[in-house]
Amino acid sequence: MISLTNPYAQEELKANIALMEVIDPELNINIIDMGLVYGIDFSEPQTITVTMTLSTPHCPMGDAIEQGVMNVLATAFPKRQTKINLVWDPEWSIDNISAAGREQLGL
């Protein structure tokens, strides 16, 4: 959820839109609708920090997903470096999938 009172709301929206291009190859939905992205921080002037998780700690496509995040954010924000903060708490679950993602999966 993007808070409009956040001074970086516009950047967060742009980043979320860019991250919708990164598709989880197992479920074939984007990582935003899958609920893998927990936060995007623009508070450091030259950096974007993405706090995210994967569906499992040993996700076979984890490297590809992380590289996709780096690629789309480098394109959207060429003057900023992207850092990925990969976390396992809270653990991802199917409950993280958005309504749009559930619709895509037929749930």
PDB file of N, CA and C in Angstrom:
ATOM      1  N   MET A   1       0.851  -1.172   0.000  1.00  0.00           N
ATOM      2  CA  MET A   1       0.000   0.000   0.000  1.00  0.00           C
ATOM      3  C   MET A   1       0.901   1.241   0.000  1.00  0.00           C
ATOM      4  N   ILE A   2       0.652   2.135  -0.899  1.00  0.00           N
ATOM      5  CA  ILE A   2       1.424   3.372  -1.003  1.00  0.00           C
ATOM      6  C   ILE A   2       0.673   4.466  -0.274  1.00  0.00           C
ATOM      7  N   SER A   3       1.352   5.091   0.676  1.00  0.00           N
ATOM      8  CA  SER A   3       0.754   6.187   1.431  1.00  0.00           C
ATOM      9  C   SER A   3       0.990   7.491   0.677  1.00  0.00           C
ATOM     10  N   LEU A   4      -0.072   8.228   0.415  1.00  0.00           N
ATOM     11  CA  LEU A   4       0.063   9.493  -0.309  1.00  0.00           C
ATOM     12  C   LEU A   4       0.757  10.563   0.513  1.00  0.00           C
ATOM     13  N   THR A   5       0.880  10.361   1.825  1.00  0.00           N
ATOM     14  CA  THR A   5       1.607  11.313   2.661  1.00  0.00           C
ATOM     15  C   THR A   5       3.107  11.047   2.639  1.00  0.00           C
ATOM     16  N   ASN A   6       3.511   9.922   2.071  1.00  0.00           N
ATOM     17  CA  ASN A   6       4.929   9.603   1.944  1.00  0.00           C
ATOM     18  C   ASN A   6       5.534  10.543   0.903  1.00  0.00           C
ATOM     19  N   PRO A   7       6.657  11.202   1.217  1.00  0.00           N
ATOM     20  CA  PRO A   7       7.255  12.118   0.238  1.00  0.00           C
ATOM     21  C   PRO A   7       7.750  11.414  -1.028  1.00  0.00           C
ATOM     22  N   TYR A   8       7.870  10.096  -0.991  1.00  0.00           N
ATOM     23  CA  TYR A   8       8.336   9.329  -2.146  1.00  0.00           C
ATOM     24  C   TYR A   8       7.203   8.538  -2.805  1.00  0.00           C
ATOM     25  N   ALA A   9       5.966   8.935  -2.570  1.00  0.00           N
ATOM     26  CA  ALA A   9       4.808   8.192  -3.091  1.00  0.00           C
ATOM     27  C   ALA A   9       4.863   8.062  -4.611  1.00  0.00           C
ATOM     28  N   GLN A  10       5.223   9.128  -5.295  1.00  0.00           N
ATOM     29  CA  GLN A  10       5.279   9.092  -6.756  1.00  0.00           C
ATOM     30  C   GLN A  10       6.332   8.089  -7.238  1.00  0.00           C
ATOM     31  N   GLU A  11       7.502   8.078  -6.590  1.00  0.00           N
ATOM     32  CA  GLU A  11       8.554   7.129  -6.947  1.00  0.00           C
ATOM     33  C   GLU A  11       8.119   5.696  -6.638  1.00  0.00           C
ATOM     34  N   GLU A  12       7.444   5.506  -5.507  1.00  0.00           N
ATOM     35  CA  GLU A  12       6.970   4.165  -5.144  1.00  0.00           C
ATOM     36  C   GLU A  12       5.972   3.641  -6.170  1.00  0.00           C
ATOM     37  N   LEU A  13       5.069   4.495  -6.612  1.00  0.00           N
ATOM     38  CA  LEU A  13       4.100   4.095  -7.622  1.00  0.00           C
ATOM     39  C   LEU A  13       4.812   3.691  -8.912  1.00  0.00           C
ATOM     40  N   LYS A  14       5.764   4.507  -9.333  1.00  0.00           N
ATOM     41  CA  LYS A  14       6.525   4.206 -10.546  1.00  0.00           C
ATOM     42  C   LYS A  14       7.283   2.882 -10.392  1.00  0.00           C
ATOM     43  N   ALA A  15       7.867   2.649  -9.223  1.00  0.00           N
ATOM     44  CA  ALA A  15       8.599   1.403  -8.976  1.00  0.00           C
ATOM     45  C   ALA A  15       7.655   0.205  -8.988  1.00  0.00           C
ATOM     46  N   ASN A  16       6.483   0.344  -8.366  1.00  0.00           N
ATOM     47  CA  ASN A  16       5.508  -0.744  -8.359  1.00  0.00           C
ATOM     48  C   ASN A  16       5.070  -1.101  -9.777  1.00  0.00           C
ATOM     49  N   ILE A  17       4.843  -0.097 -10.584  1.00  0.00           N
ATOM     50  CA  ILE A  17       4.452  -0.344 -11.975  1.00  0.00           C
ATOM     51  C   ILE A  17       5.571  -1.076 -12.717  1.00  0.00           C
ATOM     52  N   ALA A  18       6.812  -0.637 -12.497  1.00  0.00           N
ATOM     53  CA  ALA A  18       7.959  -1.299 -13.136  1.00  0.00           C
ATOM     54  C   ALA A  18       8.078  -2.746 -12.659  1.00  0.00           C
ATOM     55  N   LEU A  19       7.897  -2.968 -11.361  1.00  0.00           N
ATOM     56  CA  LEU A  19       8.046  -4.313 -10.809  1.00  0.00           C
ATOM     57  C   LEU A  19       6.942  -5.267 -11.270  1.00  0.00           C
ATOM     58  N   MET A  20       5.856  -4.724 -11.778  1.00  0.00           N
ATOM     59  CA  MET A  20       4.800  -5.581 -12.329  1.00  0.00           C
ATOM     60  C   MET A  20       5.255  -6.261 -13.619  1.00  0.00           C
ATOM     61  N   GLU A  21       6.391  -5.829 -14.160  1.00  0.00           N
ATOM     62  CA  GLU A  21       6.960  -6.482 -15.344  1.00  0.00           C
ATOM     63  C   GLU A  21       7.757  -7.734 -14.973  1.00  0.00           C
ATOM     64  N   VAL A  22       8.082  -7.897 -13.685  1.00  0.00           N
ATOM     65  CA  VAL A  22       8.851  -9.060 -13.244  1.00  0.00           C
ATOM     66  C   VAL A  22       7.853 -10.178 -12.923  1.00  0.00           C
ATOM     67  N   ILE A  23       7.944 -11.243 -13.673  1.00  0.00           N
ATOM     68  CA  ILE A  23       6.983 -12.347 -13.561  1.00  0.00           C
ATOM     69  C   ILE A  23       7.613 -13.515 -12.802  1.00  0.00           C
ATOM     70  N   ASP A  24       6.870 -14.043 -11.824  1.00  0.00           N
ATOM     71  CA  ASP A  24       7.302 -15.251 -11.149  1.00  0.00           C
ATOM     72  C   ASP A  24       7.066 -16.403 -12.128  1.00  0.00           C
ATOM     73  N   PRO A  25       8.124 -17.103 -12.551  1.00  0.00           N
ATOM     74  CA  PRO A  25       7.960 -18.127 -13.582  1.00  0.00           C
ATOM     75  C   PRO A  25       7.157 -19.348 -13.130  1.00  0.00           C
ATOM     76  N   GLU A  26       7.069 -19.581 -11.838  1.00  0.00           N
ATOM     77  CA  GLU A  26       6.327 -20.755 -11.363  1.00  0.00           C
ATOM     78  C   GLU A  26       4.812 -20.540 -11.463  1.00  0.00           C
ATOM     79  N   LEU A  27       4.342 -19.357 -11.025  1.00  0.00           N
ATOM     80  CA  LEU A  27       2.905 -19.086 -11.046  1.00  0.00           C
ATOM     81  C   LEU A  27       2.482 -18.223 -12.230  1.00  0.00           C
ATOM     82  N   ASN A  28       3.459 -17.641 -12.925  1.00  0.00           N
ATOM     83  CA  ASN A  28       3.218 -16.810 -14.102  1.00  0.00           C
ATOM     84  C   ASN A  28       2.379 -15.572 -13.795  1.00  0.00           C
ATOM     85  N   ILE A  29       2.605 -14.984 -12.611  1.00  0.00           N
ATOM     86  CA  ILE A  29       2.024 -13.675 -12.283  1.00  0.00           C
ATOM     87  C   ILE A  29       3.150 -12.773 -11.797  1.00  0.00           C
ATOM     88  N   ASN A  30       2.914 -11.475 -11.841  1.00  0.00           N
ATOM     89  CA  ASN A  30       3.986 -10.540 -11.465  1.00  0.00           C
ATOM     90  C   ASN A  30       4.225 -10.571  -9.959  1.00  0.00           C
ATOM     91  N   ILE A  31       5.424 -10.133  -9.574  1.00  0.00           N
ATOM     92  CA  ILE A  31       5.833 -10.240  -8.171  1.00  0.00           C
ATOM     93  C   ILE A  31       5.081  -9.287  -7.248  1.00  0.00           C
ATOM     94  N   ILE A  32       4.489  -8.235  -7.795  1.00  0.00           N
ATOM     95  CA  ILE A  32       3.666  -7.340  -6.971  1.00  0.00           C
ATOM     96  C   ILE A  32       2.365  -8.053  -6.606  1.00  0.00           C
ATOM     97  N   ASP A  33       1.660  -8.580  -7.612  1.00  0.00           N
ATOM     98  CA  ASP A  33       0.413  -9.289  -7.338  1.00  0.00           C
ATOM     99  C   ASP A  33       0.654 -10.579  -6.553  1.00  0.00           C
ATOM    100  N   MET A  34       1.836 -11.149  -6.684  1.00  0.00           N
ATOM    101  CA  MET A  34       2.143 -12.351  -5.928  1.00  0.00           C
ATOM    102  C   MET A  34       2.413 -12.030  -4.450  1.00  0.00           C
ATOM    103  N   GLY A  35       2.692 -10.766  -4.163  1.00  0.00           N
ATOM    104  CA  GLY A  35       2.928 -10.364  -2.777  1.00  0.00           C
ATOM    105  C   GLY A  35       4.339 -10.617  -2.307  1.00  0.00           C
ATOM    106  N   LEU A  36       5.293 -10.667  -3.231  1.00  0.00           N
ATOM    107  CA  LEU A  36       6.688 -10.900  -2.859  1.00  0.00           C
ATOM    108  C   LEU A  36       7.397  -9.630  -2.404  1.00  0.00           C
ATOM    109  N   VAL A  37       6.895  -8.467  -2.801  1.00  0.00           N
ATOM    110  CA  VAL A  37       7.534  -7.190  -2.445  1.00  0.00           C
ATOM    111  C   VAL A  37       6.866  -6.648  -1.190  1.00  0.00           C
ATOM    112  N   TYR A  38       7.665  -6.490  -0.141  1.00  0.00           N
ATOM    113  CA  TYR A  38       7.151  -5.991   1.138  1.00  0.00           C
ATOM    114  C   TYR A  38       7.336  -4.484   1.289  1.00  0.00           C
ATOM    115  N   GLY A  39       8.312  -3.909   0.609  1.00  0.00           N
ATOM    116  CA  GLY A  39       8.523  -2.471   0.731  1.00  0.00           C
ATOM    117  C   GLY A  39       9.550  -1.957  -0.260  1.00  0.00           C
ATOM    118  N   ILE A  40       9.435  -0.677  -0.597  1.00  0.00           N
ATOM    119  CA  ILE A  40      10.379  -0.010  -1.488  1.00  0.00           C
ATOM    120  C   ILE A  40      10.754   1.301  -0.815  1.00  0.00           C
ATOM    121  N   ASP A  41      12.052   1.489  -0.566  1.00  0.00           N
ATOM    122  CA  ASP A  41      12.534   2.649   0.186  1.00  0.00           C
ATOM    123  C   ASP A  41      13.378   3.549  -0.708  1.00  0.00           C
ATOM    124  N   PHE A  42      12.984   4.801  -0.805  1.00  0.00           N
ATOM    125  CA  PHE A  42      13.699   5.803  -1.597  1.00  0.00           C
ATOM    126  C   PHE A  42      14.402   6.832  -0.718  1.00  0.00           C
ATOM    127  N   SER A  43      14.499   6.598   0.581  1.00  0.00           N
ATOM    128  CA  SER A  43      15.014   7.626   1.496  1.00  0.00           C
ATOM    129  C   SER A  43      16.502   7.922   1.318  1.00  0.00           C
ATOM    130  N   GLU A  44      17.277   6.990   0.790  1.00  0.00           N
ATOM    131  CA  GLU A  44      18.685   7.266   0.475  1.00  0.00           C
ATOM    132  C   GLU A  44      18.741   7.902  -0.909  1.00  0.00           C
ATOM    133  N   PRO A  45      19.467   9.008  -1.064  1.00  0.00           N
ATOM    134  CA  PRO A  45      19.406   9.790  -2.307  1.00  0.00           C
ATOM    135  C   PRO A  45      19.731   9.043  -3.605  1.00  0.00           C
ATOM    136  N   GLN A  46      20.690   8.146  -3.601  1.00  0.00           N
ATOM    137  CA  GLN A  46      21.098   7.489  -4.842  1.00  0.00           C
ATOM    138  C   GLN A  46      20.717   6.016  -4.895  1.00  0.00           C
ATOM    139  N   THR A  47      19.847   5.585  -3.976  1.00  0.00           N
ATOM    140  CA  THR A  47      19.571   4.157  -3.816  1.00  0.00           C
ATOM    141  C   THR A  47      18.080   3.877  -3.718  1.00  0.00           C
ATOM    142  N   ILE A  48      17.683   2.735  -4.225  1.00  0.00           N
ATOM    143  CA  ILE A  48      16.352   2.181  -4.005  1.00  0.00           C
ATOM    144  C   ILE A  48      16.589   0.875  -3.254  1.00  0.00           C
ATOM    145  N   THR A  49      15.967   0.721  -2.110  1.00  0.00           N
ATOM    146  CA  THR A  49      16.079  -0.533  -1.377  1.00  0.00           C
ATOM    147  C   THR A  49      14.732  -1.240  -1.450  1.00  0.00           C
ATOM    148  N   VAL A  50      14.755  -2.436  -2.023  1.00  0.00           N
ATOM    149  CA  VAL A  50      13.552  -3.245  -2.159  1.00  0.00           C
ATOM    150  C   VAL A  50      13.619  -4.358  -1.116  1.00  0.00           C
ATOM    151  N   THR A  51      12.655  -4.349  -0.205  1.00  0.00           N
ATOM    152  CA  THR A  51      12.542  -5.442   0.758  1.00  0.00           C
ATOM    153  C   THR A  51      11.532  -6.414   0.193  1.00  0.00           C
ATOM    154  N   MET A  52      11.994  -7.647   0.018  1.00  0.00           N
ATOM    155  CA  MET A  52      11.142  -8.638  -0.627  1.00  0.00           C
ATOM    156  C   MET A  52      11.482 -10.031  -0.127  1.00  0.00           C
ATOM    157  N   THR A  53      10.676 -10.973  -0.546  1.00  0.00           N
ATOM    158  CA  THR A  53      10.902 -12.367  -0.223  1.00  0.00           C
ATOM    159  C   THR A  53      10.720 -13.180  -1.495  1.00  0.00           C
ATOM    160  N   LEU A  54      10.889 -14.467  -1.360  1.00  0.00           N
ATOM    161  CA  LEU A  54      10.596 -15.405  -2.439  1.00  0.00           C
ATOM    162  C   LEU A  54       9.599 -16.417  -1.907  1.00  0.00           C
ATOM    163  N   SER A  55       9.006 -17.209  -2.772  1.00  0.00           N
ATOM    164  CA  SER A  55       7.988 -18.154  -2.315  1.00  0.00           C
ATOM    165  C   SER A  55       8.566 -19.198  -1.362  1.00  0.00           C
ATOM    166  N   THR A  56       9.847 -19.537  -1.549  1.00  0.00           N
ATOM    167  CA  THR A  56      10.548 -20.441  -0.630  1.00  0.00           C
ATOM    168  C   THR A  56      12.007 -20.006  -0.551  1.00  0.00           C
ATOM    169  N   PRO A  57      12.689 -20.317   0.556  1.00  0.00           N
ATOM    170  CA  PRO A  57      14.110 -19.945   0.671  1.00  0.00           C
ATOM    171  C   PRO A  57      14.984 -20.552  -0.426  1.00  0.00           C
ATOM    172  N   HIS A  58      14.596 -21.680  -0.976  1.00  0.00           N
ATOM    173  CA  HIS A  58      15.395 -22.344  -2.007  1.00  0.00           C
ATOM    174  C   HIS A  58      14.711 -22.271  -3.367  1.00  0.00           C
ATOM    175  N   CYS A  59      14.022 -21.181  -3.595  1.00  0.00           N
ATOM    176  CA  CYS A  59      13.296 -20.971  -4.853  1.00  0.00           C
ATOM    177  C   CYS A  59      14.275 -21.110  -6.023  1.00  0.00           C
ATOM    178  N   PRO A  60      14.030 -22.047  -6.939  1.00  0.00           N
ATOM    179  CA  PRO A  60      14.963 -22.260  -8.045  1.00  0.00           C
ATOM    180  C   PRO A  60      15.059 -21.070  -9.003  1.00  0.00           C
ATOM    181  N   MET A  61      14.045 -20.201  -8.983  1.00  0.00           N
ATOM    182  CA  MET A  61      14.054 -19.043  -9.876  1.00  0.00           C
ATOM    183  C   MET A  61      14.397 -17.747  -9.142  1.00  0.00           C
ATOM    184  N   GLY A  62      14.869 -17.863  -7.908  1.00  0.00           N
ATOM    185  CA  GLY A  62      15.171 -16.687  -7.098  1.00  0.00           C
ATOM    186  C   GLY A  62      16.148 -15.729  -7.750  1.00  0.00           C
ATOM    187  N   ASP A  63      17.231 -16.265  -8.313  1.00  0.00           N
ATOM    188  CA  ASP A  63      18.225 -15.399  -8.953  1.00  0.00           C
ATOM    189  C   ASP A  63      17.621 -14.657 -10.148  1.00  0.00           C
ATOM    190  N   ALA A  64      16.800 -15.343 -10.911  1.00  0.00           N
ATOM    191  CA  ALA A  64      16.163 -14.717 -12.082  1.00  0.00           C
ATOM    192  C   ALA A  64      15.204 -13.615 -11.649  1.00  0.00           C
ATOM    193  N   ILE A  65      14.464 -13.862 -10.572  1.00  0.00           N
ATOM    194  CA  ILE A  65      13.529 -12.847 -10.076  1.00  0.00           C
ATOM    195  C   ILE A  65      14.301 -11.628  -9.574  1.00  0.00           C
ATOM    196  N   GLU A  66      15.352 -11.861  -8.793  1.00  0.00           N
ATOM    197  CA  GLU A  66      16.156 -10.738  -8.295  1.00  0.00           C
ATOM    198  C   GLU A  66      16.773  -9.952  -9.449  1.00  0.00           C
ATOM    199  N   GLN A  67      17.281 -10.640 -10.463  1.00  0.00           N
ATOM    200  CA  GLN A  67      17.862  -9.950 -11.616  1.00  0.00           C
ATOM    201  C   GLN A  67      16.801  -9.146 -12.352  1.00  0.00           C
ATOM    202  N   GLY A  68      15.589  -9.687 -12.436  1.00  0.00           N
ATOM    203  CA  GLY A  68      14.488  -8.951 -13.055  1.00  0.00           C
ATOM    204  C   GLY A  68      14.187  -7.665 -12.308  1.00  0.00           C
ATOM    205  N   VAL A  69      14.193  -7.728 -10.970  1.00  0.00           N
ATOM    206  CA  VAL A  69      13.984  -6.534 -10.143  1.00  0.00           C
ATOM    207  C   VAL A  69      15.061  -5.498 -10.447  1.00  0.00           C
ATOM    208  N   MET A  70      16.310  -5.948 -10.461  1.00  0.00           N
ATOM    209  CA  MET A  70      17.421  -5.024 -10.732  1.00  0.00           C
ATOM    210  C   MET A  70      17.268  -4.378 -12.116  1.00  0.00           C
ATOM    211  N   ASN A  71      16.915  -5.182 -13.102  1.00  0.00           N
ATOM    212  CA  ASN A  71      16.812  -4.682 -14.486  1.00  0.00           C
ATOM    213  C   ASN A  71      15.703  -3.653 -14.653  1.00  0.00           C
ATOM    214  N   VAL A  72      14.491  -3.958 -14.155  1.00  0.00           N
ATOM    215  CA  VAL A  72      13.387  -3.018 -14.387  1.00  0.00           C
ATOM    216  C   VAL A  72      13.581  -1.726 -13.602  1.00  0.00           C
ATOM    217  N   LEU A  73      14.169  -1.810 -12.408  1.00  0.00           N
ATOM    218  CA  LEU A  73      14.380  -0.579 -11.636  1.00  0.00           C
ATOM    219  C   LEU A  73      15.534   0.241 -12.201  1.00  0.00           C
ATOM    220  N   ALA A  74      16.540  -0.412 -12.766  1.00  0.00           N
ATOM    221  CA  ALA A  74      17.633   0.327 -13.419  1.00  0.00           C
ATOM    222  C   ALA A  74      17.107   1.099 -14.624  1.00  0.00           C
ATOM    223  N   THR A  75      16.156   0.521 -15.320  1.00  0.00           N
ATOM    224  CA  THR A  75      15.546   1.204 -16.466  1.00  0.00           C
ATOM    225  C   THR A  75      14.666   2.366 -16.007  1.00  0.00           C
ATOM    226  N   ALA A  76      13.855   2.124 -14.975  1.00  0.00           N
ATOM    227  CA  ALA A  76      12.926   3.153 -14.495  1.00  0.00           C
ATOM    228  C   ALA A  76      13.636   4.281 -13.745  1.00  0.00           C
ATOM    229  N   PHE A  77      14.733   3.947 -13.062  1.00  0.00           N
ATOM    230  CA  PHE A  77      15.461   4.925 -12.238  1.00  0.00           C
ATOM    231  C   PHE A  77      16.960   4.824 -12.537  1.00  0.00           C
ATOM    232  N   PRO A  78      17.385   5.281 -13.710  1.00  0.00           N
ATOM    233  CA  PRO A  78      18.788   5.091 -14.109  1.00  0.00           C
ATOM    234  C   PRO A  78      19.811   5.798 -13.223  1.00  0.00           C
ATOM    235  N   LYS A  79      19.399   6.780 -12.436  1.00  0.00           N
ATOM    236  CA  LYS A  79      20.349   7.504 -11.590  1.00  0.00           C
ATOM    237  C   LYS A  79      20.449   6.914 -10.184  1.00  0.00           C
ATOM    238  N   ARG A  80      19.730   5.822  -9.931  1.00  0.00           N
ATOM    239  CA  ARG A  80      19.742   5.191  -8.601  1.00  0.00           C
ATOM    240  C   ARG A  80      20.239   3.751  -8.696  1.00  0.00           C
ATOM    241  N   GLN A  81      20.931   3.339  -7.652  1.00  0.00           N
ATOM    242  CA  GLN A  81      21.377   1.957  -7.529  1.00  0.00           C
ATOM    243  C   GLN A  81      20.294   1.187  -6.776  1.00  0.00           C
ATOM    244  N   THR A  82      20.049  -0.036  -7.176  1.00  0.00           N
ATOM    245  CA  THR A  82      19.050  -0.858  -6.504  1.00  0.00           C
ATOM    246  C   THR A  82      19.726  -1.844  -5.561  1.00  0.00           C
ATOM    247  N   LYS A  83      19.221  -1.912  -4.336  1.00  0.00           N
ATOM    248  CA  LYS A  83      19.649  -2.915  -3.366  1.00  0.00           C
ATOM    249  C   LYS A  83      18.435  -3.780  -3.053  1.00  0.00           C
ATOM    250  N   ILE A  84      18.653  -5.078  -2.957  1.00  0.00           N
ATOM    251  CA  ILE A  84      17.569  -5.989  -2.589  1.00  0.00           C
ATOM    252  C   ILE A  84      17.843  -6.519  -1.192  1.00  0.00           C
ATOM    253  N   ASN A  85      16.884  -6.301  -0.315  1.00  0.00           N
ATOM    254  CA  ASN A  85      16.927  -6.821   1.045  1.00  0.00           C
ATOM    255  C   ASN A  85      15.997  -8.035   1.068  1.00  0.00           C
ATOM    256  N   LEU A  86      16.585  -9.231   0.914  1.00  0.00           N
ATOM    257  CA  LEU A  86      15.802 -10.457   0.860  1.00  0.00           C
ATOM    258  C   LEU A  86      15.535 -10.940   2.285  1.00  0.00           C
ATOM    259  N   VAL A  87      14.268 -11.064   2.630  1.00  0.00           N
ATOM    260  CA  VAL A  87      13.881 -11.437   3.991  1.00  0.00           C
ATOM    261  C   VAL A  87      13.002 -12.692   3.969  1.00  0.00           C
ATOM    262  N   TRP A  88      12.961 -13.372   5.103  1.00  0.00           N
ATOM    263  CA  TRP A  88      12.140 -14.581   5.227  1.00  0.00           C
ATOM    264  C   TRP A  88      11.109 -14.441   6.348  1.00  0.00           C
ATOM    265  N   ASP A  89      11.048 -13.270   6.939  1.00  0.00           N
ATOM    266  CA  ASP A  89      10.080 -13.003   7.999  1.00  0.00           C
ATOM    267  C   ASP A  89       9.450 -11.646   7.707  1.00  0.00           C
ATOM    268  N   PRO A  90       8.193 -11.577   7.386  1.00  0.00           N
ATOM    269  CA  PRO A  90       7.252 -12.696   7.425  1.00  0.00           C
ATOM    270  C   PRO A  90       7.443 -13.621   6.228  1.00  0.00           C
ATOM    271  N   GLU A  91       7.173 -14.876   6.463  1.00  0.00           N
ATOM    272  CA  GLU A  91       7.266 -15.891   5.436  1.00  0.00           C
ATOM    273  C   GLU A  91       6.148 -15.678   4.421  1.00  0.00           C
ATOM    274  N   TRP A  92       6.468 -15.871   3.140  1.00  0.00           N
ATOM    275  CA  TRP A  92       5.463 -15.721   2.100  1.00  0.00           C
ATOM    276  C   TRP A  92       4.451 -16.855   2.203  1.00  0.00           C
ATOM    277  N   SER A  93       3.200 -16.524   1.928  1.00  0.00           N
ATOM    278  CA  SER A  93       2.171 -17.561   1.830  1.00  0.00           C
ATOM    279  C   SER A  93       1.212 -17.175   0.708  1.00  0.00           C
ATOM    280  N   ILE A  94       0.384 -18.101   0.341  1.00  0.00           N
ATOM    281  CA  ILE A  94      -0.602 -17.859  -0.723  1.00  0.00           C
ATOM    282  C   ILE A  94      -1.542 -16.711  -0.359  1.00  0.00           C
ATOM    283  N   ASP A  95      -1.669 -16.421   0.941  1.00  0.00           N
ATOM    284  CA  ASP A  95      -2.509 -15.307   1.392  1.00  0.00           C
ATOM    285  C   ASP A  95      -1.962 -13.956   0.940  1.00  0.00           C
ATOM    286  N   ASN A  96      -0.683 -13.898   0.552  1.00  0.00           N
ATOM    287  CA  ASN A  96      -0.069 -12.650   0.089  1.00  0.00           C
ATOM    288  C   ASN A  96      -0.526 -12.258  -1.314  1.00  0.00           C
ATOM    289  N   ILE A  97      -1.075 -13.185  -2.055  1.00  0.00           N
ATOM    290  CA  ILE A  97      -1.463 -12.911  -3.442  1.00  0.00           C
ATOM    291  C   ILE A  97      -2.636 -11.936  -3.459  1.00  0.00           C
ATOM    292  N   SER A  98      -2.516 -10.910  -4.292  1.00  0.00           N
ATOM    293  CA  SER A  98      -3.556  -9.886  -4.402  1.00  0.00           C
ATOM    294  C   SER A  98      -4.809 -10.451  -5.057  1.00  0.00           C
ATOM    295  N   ALA A  99      -5.875  -9.672  -4.999  1.00  0.00           N
ATOM    296  CA  ALA A  99      -7.125 -10.060  -5.652  1.00  0.00           C
ATOM    297  C   ALA A  99      -6.907 -10.244  -7.157  1.00  0.00           C
ATOM    298  N   ALA A 100      -6.129  -9.345  -7.764  1.00  0.00           N
ATOM    299  CA  ALA A 100      -5.854  -9.456  -9.202  1.00  0.00           C
ATOM    300  C   ALA A 100      -5.060 -10.730  -9.487  1.00  0.00           C
ATOM    301  N   GLY A 101      -4.106 -11.035  -8.621  1.00  0.00           N
ATOM    302  CA  GLY A 101      -3.322 -12.253  -8.788  1.00  0.00           C
ATOM    303  C   GLY A 101      -4.165 -13.506  -8.641  1.00  0.00           C
ATOM    304  N   ARG A 102      -5.077 -13.483  -7.665  1.00  0.00           N
ATOM    305  CA  ARG A 102      -5.981 -14.630  -7.460  1.00  0.00           C
ATOM    306  C   ARG A 102      -6.865 -14.841  -8.689  1.00  0.00           C
ATOM    307  N   GLU A 103      -7.314 -13.734  -9.262  1.00  0.00           N
ATOM    308  CA  GLU A 103      -8.154 -13.824 -10.463  1.00  0.00           C
ATOM    309  C   GLU A 103      -7.358 -14.456 -11.613  1.00  0.00           C
ATOM    310  N   GLN A 104      -6.105 -14.024 -11.774  1.00  0.00           N
ATOM    311  CA  GLN A 104      -5.255 -14.588 -12.826  1.00  0.00           C
ATOM    312  C   GLN A 104      -5.043 -16.075 -12.640  1.00  0.00           C
ATOM    313  N   LEU A 105      -4.972 -16.515 -11.381  1.00  0.00           N
ATOM    314  CA  LEU A 105      -4.745 -17.930 -11.081  1.00  0.00           C
ATOM    315  C   LEU A 105      -6.043 -18.743 -11.032  1.00  0.00           C
ATOM    316  N   GLY A 106      -7.172 -18.056 -11.130  1.00  0.00           N
ATOM    317  CA  GLY A 106      -8.454 -18.734 -11.069  1.00  0.00           C
ATOM    318  C   GLY A 106      -8.828 -19.188  -9.673  1.00  0.00           C
ATOM    319  N   LEU A 107      -8.324 -18.465  -8.660  1.00  0.00           N
ATOM    320  CA  LEU A 107      -8.631 -18.811  -7.266  1.00  0.00           C
ATOM    321  C   LEU A 107      -9.863 -18.078  -6.762  1.00  0.00           C
TER     322      LEU A 107
END
